[in-house]
C-alpha atoms as a PDB file:
ATOM      1  CA  MET A   1      10.279-132.794 -93.975  1.00  0.00           C
ATOM      2  CA  GLN A   2       9.534-135.783 -96.181  1.00  0.00           C
ATOM      3  CA  VAL A   3       6.978-138.313 -94.984  1.00  0.00           C
ATOM      4  CA  THR A   4       7.444-141.910 -96.118  1.00  0.00           C
ATOM      5  CA  LEU A   5       4.431-144.223 -96.103  1.00  0.00           C
ATOM      6  CA  TYR A   6       4.213-147.987 -96.562  1.00  0.00           C
ATOM      7  CA  ALA A   7       1.557-149.768 -98.630  1.00  0.00           C
ATOM      8  CA  GLN A   8       0.875-153.369 -97.632  1.00  0.00           C
ATOM      9  CA  PRO A   9      -1.351-155.169-100.144  1.00  0.00           C
ATOM     10  CA  TYR A  10      -4.228-157.290 -98.866  1.00  0.00           C
ATOM     11  CA  ASP A  11      -2.844-160.294-100.747  1.00  0.00           C
ATOM     12  CA  ILE A  12      -0.136-161.654 -98.421  1.00  0.00           C
ATOM     13  CA  THR A  13       1.831-163.034-101.372  1.00  0.00           C
ATOM     14  CA  ALA A  14       2.364-159.517-102.772  1.00  0.00           C
ATOM     15  CA  MET A  15       5.245-157.486-101.381  1.00  0.00           C
ATOM     16  CA  GLY A  16       4.495-154.098 -99.899  1.00  0.00           C
ATOM     17  CA  TYR A  17       6.440-150.964-100.743  1.00  0.00           C
ATOM     18  CA  SER A  18       7.364-147.538 -99.380  1.00  0.00           C
ATOM     19  CA  PHE A  19       6.516-144.276-101.101  1.00  0.00           C
ATOM     20  CA  SER A  20       6.707-140.582-100.297  1.00  0.00           C
ATOM     21  CA  ASP A  21       4.516-139.015-102.987  1.00  0.00           C
ATOM     22  CA  ILE A  22       1.641-139.910-105.264  1.00  0.00           C
ATOM     23  CA  GLU A  23       3.921-140.470-108.260  1.00  0.00           C
ATOM     24  CA  GLY A  24       6.006-142.985-106.316  1.00  0.00           C
ATOM     25  CA  TYR A  25       2.850-144.727-105.137  1.00  0.00           C
ATOM     26  CA  ARG A  26       1.387-144.966-108.649  1.00  0.00           C
ATOM     27  CA  THR A  27       4.655-146.219-110.162  1.00  0.00           C
ATOM     28  CA  LYS A  28       5.114-148.961-107.585  1.00  0.00           C
ATOM     29  CA  ALA A  29       1.405-149.861-107.465  1.00  0.00           C
ATOM     30  CA  SER A  30       1.270-150.374-111.228  1.00  0.00           C
ATOM     31  CA  ALA A  31       4.188-152.843-111.044  1.00  0.00           C
ATOM     32  CA  LEU A  32       2.774-154.771-108.061  1.00  0.00           C
ATOM     33  CA  ARG A  33       2.150-158.495-108.607  1.00  0.00           C
ATOM     34  CA  ASN A  34       1.275-161.329-106.245  1.00  0.00           C
ATOM     35  CA  ALA A  35       2.798-164.838-106.244  1.00  0.00           C
ATOM     36  CA  ALA A  36       0.583-165.879-109.163  1.00  0.00           C
ATOM     37  CA  GLY A  37       1.731-162.887-111.199  1.00  0.00           C
ATOM     38  CA  ASP A  38      -1.608-161.123-110.920  1.00  0.00           C
ATOM     39  CA  PRO A  39      -1.836-157.417-110.164  1.00  0.00           C
ATOM     40  CA  ASP A  40      -2.953-156.610-106.636  1.00  0.00           C
ATOM     41  CA  ASP A  41      -5.255-153.613-106.528  1.00  0.00           C
ATOM     42  CA  LEU A  42      -4.740-151.323-103.558  1.00  0.00           C
ATOM     43  CA  ASP A  43      -6.207-147.856-103.373  1.00  0.00           C
ATOM     44  CA  ILE A  44      -5.104-145.432-100.696  1.00  0.00           C
ATOM     45  CA  ASP A  45      -6.749-142.079-100.077  1.00  0.00           C
ATOM     46  CA  ILE A  46      -4.783-139.681 -97.871  1.00  0.00           C
ATOM     47  CA  TYR A  47      -5.891-136.234 -96.754  1.00  0.00           C
ATOM     48  CA  TRP A  48      -3.934-133.796 -94.592  1.00  0.00           C
ATOM     49  CA  VAL A  49      -6.713-132.689 -92.214  1.00  0.00           C
ATOM     50  CA  GLU A  50      -6.975-132.249 -88.456  1.00  0.00           C
ATOM     51  CA  CYS A  51     -10.186-134.258 -88.070  1.00  0.00           C
ATOM     52  CA  LEU A  52     -12.865-136.052 -90.040  1.00  0.00           C
ATOM     53  CA  ARG A  53     -15.161-133.041 -89.704  1.00  0.00           C
ATOM     54  CA  ALA A  54     -12.576-131.030 -91.665  1.00  0.00           C
ATOM     55  CA  LEU A  55     -12.551-133.800 -94.272  1.00  0.00           C
ATOM     56  CA  ALA A  56     -16.355-133.640 -94.480  1.00  0.00           C
ATOM     57  CA  GLU A  57     -16.135-129.868 -94.994  1.00  0.00           C
ATOM     58  CA  ARG A  58     -13.511-130.357 -97.721  1.00  0.00           C
ATOM     59  CA  PHE A  59     -15.685-132.923 -99.492  1.00  0.00           C
ATOM     60  CA  LEU A  60     -18.613-130.496 -99.386  1.00  0.00           C
ATOM     61  CA  GLU A  61     -16.471-127.624-100.723  1.00  0.00           C
ATOM     62  CA  ASN A  62     -15.140-129.805-103.557  1.00  0.00           C
ATOM     63  CA  GLY A  63     -18.634-130.875-104.579  1.00  0.00           C
ATOM     64  CA  TYR A  64     -18.267-134.574-103.733  1.00  0.00           C
ATOM     65  CA  PHE A  65     -21.901-134.558-102.597  1.00  0.00           C
ATOM     66  CA  GLY A  66     -23.103-132.673-105.664  1.00  0.00           C
ATOM     67  CA  SER A  67     -24.122-129.072-106.012  1.00  0.00           C
ATOM     68  CA  ILE A  68     -25.728-127.806-102.821  1.00  0.00           C
ATOM     69  CA  PRO A  69     -27.678-124.541-103.092  1.00  0.00           C
ATOM     70  CA  ASP A  70     -26.581-121.789-100.705  1.00  0.00           C
ATOM     71  CA  ALA A  71     -30.052-121.733 -99.148  1.00  0.00           C
ATOM     72  CA  LEU A  72     -29.588-125.367 -98.042  1.00  0.00           C
ATOM     73  CA  SER A  73     -25.933-125.288 -97.023  1.00  0.00           C
ATOM     74  CA  ALA A  74     -26.778-124.135 -93.487  1.00  0.00           C
ATOM     75  CA  TYR A  75     -28.762-127.351 -92.986  1.00  0.00           C
ATOM     76  CA  ILE A  76     -25.895-129.718 -93.856  1.00  0.00           C
ATOM     77  CA  ASP A  77     -24.804-131.668 -90.777  1.00  0.00           C
ATOM     78  CA  THR A  78     -21.029-131.957 -91.199  1.00  0.00           C
ATOM     79  CA  ASP A  79     -20.735-133.811 -87.889  1.00  0.00           C
ATOM     80  CA  ALA A  80     -23.039-136.532 -89.239  1.00  0.00           C
ATOM     81  CA  ILE A  81     -21.009-136.711 -92.454  1.00  0.00           C
ATOM     82  CA  ALA A  82     -17.828-137.028 -90.348  1.00  0.00           C
ATOM     83  CA  ARG A  83     -19.383-139.921 -88.418  1.00  0.00           C
ATOM     84  CA  ASP A  84     -20.215-141.605 -91.726  1.00  0.00           C
ATOM     85  CA  LEU A  85     -16.663-141.021 -92.998  1.00  0.00           C
ATOM     86  CA  ALA A  86     -15.354-142.722 -89.844  1.00  0.00           C
ATOM     87  CA  MET A  87     -16.718-146.000 -91.242  1.00  0.00           C
ATOM     88  CA  ASP A  88     -14.102-145.849 -94.040  1.00  0.00           C
ATOM     89  CA  PHE A  89     -11.443-143.428 -92.844  1.00  0.00           C
ATOM     90  CA  ALA A  90      -9.064-143.467 -89.892  1.00  0.00           C
ATOM     91  CA  MET A  91      -6.930-140.702 -88.409  1.00  0.00           C
ATOM     92  CA  ILE A  92      -3.201-141.046 -87.793  1.00  0.00           C
ATOM     93  CA  ASP A  93      -0.346-138.774 -86.666  1.00  0.00           C
ATOM     94  CA  ILE A  94       2.790-138.974 -88.799  1.00  0.00           C
ATOM     95  CA  ALA A  95       5.758-136.692 -88.201  1.00  0.00           C
ATOM     96  CA  GLY A  96       3.566-134.181 -86.392  1.00  0.00           C
ATOM     97  CA  ALA A  97       0.933-134.063 -89.145  1.00  0.00           C
ATOM     98  CA  ARG A  98      -2.634-135.333 -88.822  1.00  0.00           C
ATOM     99  CA  LEU A  99      -3.802-137.477 -91.723  1.00  0.00           C
ATOM    100  CA  ALA A 100      -7.097-139.092 -92.627  1.00  0.00           C
ATOM    101  CA  TYR A 101      -6.655-142.231 -94.709  1.00  0.00           C
ATOM    102  CA  ARG A 102      -8.475-145.208 -96.098  1.00  0.00           C
ATOM    103  CA  ALA A 103      -7.203-148.205 -97.981  1.00  0.00           C
ATOM    104  CA  GLY A 104      -9.109-150.696 -99.990  1.00  0.00           C
END
């Protein structure tokens, strides 16, 4: 099943666009201009996860918080990281899939 998303720029004079993959997003985002002809920057981060705690775990696994020694990994509070992520990310259900996203 293909999921189609819609990007609405913050500048109300710029037209939004639909996309279904990262290539489509990048192509349309690079061509985006507002009424003055200026590019409108819009970044969207999308992660297919069930909850923000899973996103926190993914960020830890991918090293987004730096290299964490094994001896300290048991002390990492992923619930606290998830609460922090909730300041920037939101959860949404699309076509039966749970997504975490942020735009800015």
